[in-house]
Amino acid sequence: CAVEDPLIFIPNAFMLGGANPEFKPVASYIDFTEYEFNIYNRWSKLVFSGSSIDQTWDGTFNGDRCREDVYVYILTYKNGAGVTKVQKGHVTLLHAQ
């Protein structure tokens, strides 16, 4: 059985009120039933959690705009072979002037 390697693109910045006002990964060849995407602020507080590839972070927490800052994301998914993978990184949130 052939298994494709996952293709995942995750932007490193997005801008509220800009051309890309929402943040989410773009992925192919992963098991979307075993998907979790979490975003944390610099104090390790969870500001967004998504369990579907269609859920996007709009740069808010509890209805309030988050501050311009660097946030950490953790993406957990299963590849085509059923192996759980974890990808970590950071994204910069900017505000349009």
N, C-alpha and C. Protein backbone atom coordinates (compact mmCIF):
# COMPACT_ATOMS: atom_id res chain seq x y z
N CYS A 1 0.85 -1.18 0.00
CA CYS A 1 0.00 0.00 0.00
C CYS A 1 0.89 1.25 0.00
N ALA A 2 0.69 2.11 -0.95
CA ALA A 2 1.47 3.35 -1.04
C ALA A 2 0.88 4.41 -0.12
N VAL A 3 1.74 5.15 0.54
CA VAL A 3 1.31 6.21 1.45
C VAL A 3 2.02 7.49 1.03
N GLU A 4 1.27 8.54 0.80
CA GLU A 4 1.84 9.85 0.46
C GLU A 4 2.30 10.55 1.73
N ASP A 5 3.43 11.24 1.63
CA ASP A 5 3.87 12.07 2.74
C ASP A 5 2.94 13.27 2.87
N PRO A 6 2.62 13.69 4.10
CA PRO A 6 1.76 14.86 4.28
C PRO A 6 2.37 16.10 3.66
N LEU A 7 1.53 16.93 3.08
CA LEU A 7 1.93 18.24 2.57
C LEU A 7 1.26 19.28 3.47
N ILE A 8 2.06 20.06 4.18
CA ILE A 8 1.51 21.03 5.13
C ILE A 8 2.21 22.36 4.93
N PHE A 9 1.40 23.41 4.77
CA PHE A 9 1.91 24.77 4.71
C PHE A 9 1.27 25.55 5.84
N ILE A 10 2.11 26.18 6.67
CA ILE A 10 1.61 27.00 7.78
C ILE A 10 2.26 28.37 7.65
N PRO A 11 1.47 29.43 7.44
CA PRO A 11 2.04 30.77 7.33
C PRO A 11 2.78 31.16 8.61
N ASN A 12 3.73 32.08 8.50
CA ASN A 12 4.46 32.52 9.70
C ASN A 12 3.97 33.87 10.21
N ALA A 13 2.98 34.47 9.53
CA ALA A 13 2.40 35.74 9.98
C ALA A 13 1.03 35.93 9.35
N PHE A 14 0.20 36.71 10.04
CA PHE A 14 -1.07 37.15 9.46
C PHE A 14 -1.45 38.47 10.09
N MET A 15 -2.35 39.22 9.40
CA MET A 15 -2.67 40.58 9.82
C MET A 15 -4.18 40.77 9.96
N LEU A 16 -4.59 41.17 11.16
CA LEU A 16 -6.00 41.51 11.36
C LEU A 16 -6.33 42.73 10.51
N GLY A 17 -7.38 42.63 9.72
CA GLY A 17 -7.75 43.73 8.86
C GLY A 17 -6.91 43.82 7.60
N GLY A 18 -6.07 42.81 7.36
CA GLY A 18 -5.19 42.80 6.19
C GLY A 18 -5.68 41.83 5.14
N ALA A 19 -4.79 41.48 4.23
CA ALA A 19 -5.13 40.59 3.12
C ALA A 19 -5.35 39.16 3.60
N ASN A 20 -4.71 38.75 4.67
CA ASN A 20 -4.91 37.41 5.23
C ASN A 20 -5.30 37.52 6.71
N PRO A 21 -6.59 37.81 7.01
CA PRO A 21 -7.00 38.11 8.37
C PRO A 21 -7.24 36.90 9.26
N GLU A 22 -7.09 35.67 8.72
CA GLU A 22 -7.30 34.47 9.52
C GLU A 22 -6.10 33.54 9.36
N PHE A 23 -5.86 32.75 10.38
CA PHE A 23 -4.69 31.87 10.40
C PHE A 23 -5.12 30.42 10.50
N LYS A 24 -4.59 29.60 9.59
CA LYS A 24 -4.82 28.16 9.64
C LYS A 24 -3.81 27.46 8.76
N PRO A 25 -3.56 26.19 9.04
CA PRO A 25 -2.69 25.41 8.16
C PRO A 25 -3.43 25.02 6.88
N VAL A 26 -2.68 24.78 5.84
CA VAL A 26 -3.21 24.21 4.61
C VAL A 26 -2.53 22.84 4.49
N ALA A 27 -3.33 21.77 4.42
CA ALA A 27 -2.75 20.43 4.48
C ALA A 27 -3.42 19.47 3.51
N SER A 28 -2.63 18.50 3.08
CA SER A 28 -3.11 17.40 2.25
C SER A 28 -2.45 16.12 2.73
N TYR A 29 -3.10 15.01 2.46
CA TYR A 29 -2.58 13.68 2.79
C TYR A 29 -2.40 13.45 4.28
N ILE A 30 -3.33 13.99 5.09
CA ILE A 30 -3.34 13.67 6.51
C ILE A 30 -4.75 13.16 6.85
N ASP A 31 -4.86 12.49 7.99
CA ASP A 31 -6.15 11.99 8.48
C ASP A 31 -6.83 13.13 9.23
N PHE A 32 -7.82 13.74 8.60
CA PHE A 32 -8.48 14.90 9.20
C PHE A 32 -9.39 14.54 10.37
N THR A 33 -9.65 13.24 10.59
CA THR A 33 -10.46 12.84 11.75
C THR A 33 -9.63 12.87 13.02
N GLU A 34 -8.32 12.86 12.89
CA GLU A 34 -7.40 12.90 14.04
C GLU A 34 -6.57 14.17 13.98
N TYR A 35 -7.23 15.32 13.98
CA TYR A 35 -6.59 16.61 13.76
C TYR A 35 -6.84 17.51 14.95
N GLU A 36 -5.78 18.18 15.41
CA GLU A 36 -5.92 19.16 16.50
C GLU A 36 -4.92 20.28 16.26
N PHE A 37 -5.41 21.52 16.37
CA PHE A 37 -4.57 22.69 16.13
C PHE A 37 -4.77 23.66 17.29
N ASN A 38 -3.71 23.88 18.07
CA ASN A 38 -3.79 24.75 19.24
C ASN A 38 -2.79 25.90 19.11
N ILE A 39 -3.20 27.07 19.62
CA ILE A 39 -2.36 28.25 19.59
C ILE A 39 -2.27 28.81 21.01
N TYR A 40 -1.03 29.15 21.41
CA TYR A 40 -0.76 29.63 22.77
C TYR A 40 -0.07 30.99 22.71
N ASN A 41 -0.35 31.82 23.73
CA ASN A 41 0.37 33.09 23.82
C ASN A 41 1.71 32.86 24.51
N ARG A 42 2.47 33.92 24.72
CA ARG A 42 3.82 33.79 25.28
C ARG A 42 3.82 33.32 26.73
N TRP A 43 2.67 33.35 27.40
CA TRP A 43 2.55 32.89 28.77
C TRP A 43 1.93 31.50 28.84
N SER A 44 1.92 30.80 27.71
CA SER A 44 1.42 29.43 27.59
C SER A 44 -0.09 29.30 27.81
N LYS A 45 -0.82 30.39 27.63
CA LYS A 45 -2.26 30.34 27.75
C LYS A 45 -2.86 29.97 26.39
N LEU A 46 -3.75 28.99 26.37
CA LEU A 46 -4.39 28.57 25.14
C LEU A 46 -5.34 29.66 24.67
N VAL A 47 -5.12 30.19 23.47
CA VAL A 47 -5.98 31.25 22.93
C VAL A 47 -6.86 30.74 21.79
N PHE A 48 -6.55 29.56 21.23
CA PHE A 48 -7.36 28.98 20.16
C PHE A 48 -7.14 27.47 20.14
N SER A 49 -8.24 26.74 19.91
CA SER A 49 -8.16 25.30 19.74
C SER A 49 -9.13 24.91 18.63
N GLY A 50 -8.65 24.15 17.68
CA GLY A 50 -9.49 23.69 16.58
C GLY A 50 -9.32 22.20 16.35
N SER A 51 -10.41 21.53 16.02
CA SER A 51 -10.36 20.09 15.77
C SER A 51 -10.78 19.77 14.33
N SER A 52 -10.88 20.81 13.49
CA SER A 52 -11.23 20.65 12.09
C SER A 52 -10.33 21.55 11.26
N ILE A 53 -9.93 21.08 10.09
CA ILE A 53 -9.08 21.87 9.20
C ILE A 53 -9.79 23.15 8.75
N ASP A 54 -11.11 23.18 8.85
CA ASP A 54 -11.89 24.34 8.43
C ASP A 54 -11.95 25.44 9.49
N GLN A 55 -11.54 25.15 10.71
CA GLN A 55 -11.55 26.16 11.77
C GLN A 55 -10.32 27.05 11.66
N THR A 56 -10.54 28.35 11.71
CA THR A 56 -9.45 29.32 11.59
C THR A 56 -9.40 30.21 12.83
N TRP A 57 -8.21 30.69 13.14
CA TRP A 57 -8.06 31.65 14.23
C TRP A 57 -8.12 33.04 13.65
N ASP A 58 -8.99 33.86 14.19
CA ASP A 58 -9.17 35.23 13.69
C ASP A 58 -8.40 36.26 14.50
N GLY A 59 -7.50 35.80 15.37
CA GLY A 59 -6.68 36.72 16.15
C GLY A 59 -7.38 37.27 17.38
N THR A 60 -8.46 36.61 17.81
CA THR A 60 -9.18 37.05 19.00
C THR A 60 -9.16 35.96 20.06
N PHE A 61 -9.44 36.38 21.29
CA PHE A 61 -9.61 35.46 22.41
C PHE A 61 -10.76 35.98 23.24
N ASN A 62 -11.78 35.16 23.43
CA ASN A 62 -13.00 35.56 24.16
C ASN A 62 -13.61 36.84 23.58
N GLY A 63 -13.55 36.99 22.26
CA GLY A 63 -14.15 38.14 21.60
C GLY A 63 -13.31 39.40 21.54
N ASP A 64 -12.16 39.39 22.20
CA ASP A 64 -11.27 40.56 22.20
C ASP A 64 -10.07 40.30 21.29
N ARG A 65 -9.63 41.36 20.59
CA ARG A 65 -8.45 41.22 19.74
C ARG A 65 -7.23 40.92 20.59
N CYS A 66 -6.43 39.98 20.15
CA CYS A 66 -5.18 39.68 20.83
C CYS A 66 -4.15 40.73 20.45
N ARG A 67 -3.17 40.90 21.28
CA ARG A 67 -2.13 41.90 21.04
C ARG A 67 -1.20 41.44 19.92
N GLU A 68 -0.57 42.41 19.26
CA GLU A 68 0.47 42.07 18.29
C GLU A 68 1.57 41.36 19.05
N ASP A 69 1.90 40.16 18.57
CA ASP A 69 2.89 39.37 19.30
C ASP A 69 3.19 38.12 18.50
N VAL A 70 4.09 37.32 19.01
CA VAL A 70 4.42 36.03 18.43
C VAL A 70 3.70 34.97 19.26
N TYR A 71 3.01 34.06 18.60
CA TYR A 71 2.24 33.00 19.24
C TYR A 71 2.80 31.65 18.80
N VAL A 72 2.67 30.66 19.66
CA VAL A 72 3.15 29.31 19.38
C VAL A 72 1.97 28.44 18.97
N TYR A 73 2.18 27.62 17.93
CA TYR A 73 1.14 26.67 17.55
C TYR A 73 1.67 25.25 17.68
N ILE A 74 0.74 24.34 17.93
CA ILE A 74 1.04 22.91 17.95
C ILE A 74 -0.02 22.22 17.11
N LEU A 75 0.40 21.58 16.05
CA LEU A 75 -0.48 20.85 15.14
C LEU A 75 -0.24 19.36 15.35
N THR A 76 -1.31 18.63 15.70
CA THR A 76 -1.23 17.18 15.89
C THR A 76 -2.16 16.53 14.88
N TYR A 77 -1.64 15.52 14.17
CA TYR A 77 -2.42 14.84 13.14
C TYR A 77 -1.87 13.43 12.94
N LYS A 78 -2.61 12.61 12.21
CA LYS A 78 -2.13 11.29 11.82
C LYS A 78 -1.84 11.32 10.33
N ASN A 79 -0.71 10.73 9.95
CA ASN A 79 -0.39 10.68 8.53
C ASN A 79 -1.15 9.51 7.88
N GLY A 80 -0.92 9.29 6.60
CA GLY A 80 -1.64 8.25 5.87
C GLY A 80 -1.38 6.85 6.38
N ALA A 81 -0.27 6.64 7.07
CA ALA A 81 0.06 5.34 7.64
C ALA A 81 -0.50 5.16 9.04
N GLY A 82 -1.21 6.19 9.56
CA GLY A 82 -1.80 6.10 10.89
C GLY A 82 -0.87 6.47 12.02
N VAL A 83 0.28 7.07 11.71
CA VAL A 83 1.25 7.47 12.73
C VAL A 83 0.95 8.91 13.16
N THR A 84 0.86 9.13 14.47
CA THR A 84 0.61 10.46 15.00
C THR A 84 1.87 11.31 14.86
N LYS A 85 1.69 12.50 14.32
CA LYS A 85 2.77 13.47 14.13
C LYS A 85 2.43 14.75 14.87
N VAL A 86 3.44 15.43 15.36
CA VAL A 86 3.28 16.72 16.04
C VAL A 86 4.21 17.72 15.37
N GLN A 87 3.64 18.84 14.95
CA GLN A 87 4.44 19.90 14.33
C GLN A 87 4.25 21.17 15.15
N LYS A 88 5.36 21.79 15.54
CA LYS A 88 5.33 22.99 16.37
C LYS A 88 5.99 24.13 15.61
N GLY A 89 5.54 25.35 15.90
CA GLY A 89 6.13 26.51 15.28
C GLY A 89 5.57 27.78 15.89
N HIS A 90 5.80 28.89 15.22
CA HIS A 90 5.30 30.17 15.72
C HIS A 90 4.72 30.98 14.57
N VAL A 91 3.82 31.89 14.95
CA VAL A 91 3.18 32.78 14.00
C VAL A 91 3.16 34.18 14.62
N THR A 92 3.37 35.18 13.79
CA THR A 92 3.33 36.57 14.25
C THR A 92 1.98 37.16 13.89
N LEU A 93 1.30 37.70 14.88
CA LEU A 93 0.02 38.38 14.68
C LEU A 93 0.29 39.89 14.57
N LEU A 94 -0.16 40.48 13.49
CA LEU A 94 -0.02 41.92 13.25
C LEU A 94 -1.39 42.57 13.15
N HIS A 95 -1.47 43.86 13.41
CA HIS A 95 -2.71 44.62 13.25
C HIS A 95 -2.51 45.62 12.12
N ALA A 96 -3.53 45.73 11.24
CA ALA A 96 -3.46 46.71 10.17
C ALA A 96 -3.53 48.11 10.80
N GLN A 97 -2.77 49.04 10.26
CA GLN A 97 -2.75 50.39 10.79
C GLN A 97 -3.97 51.18 10.39
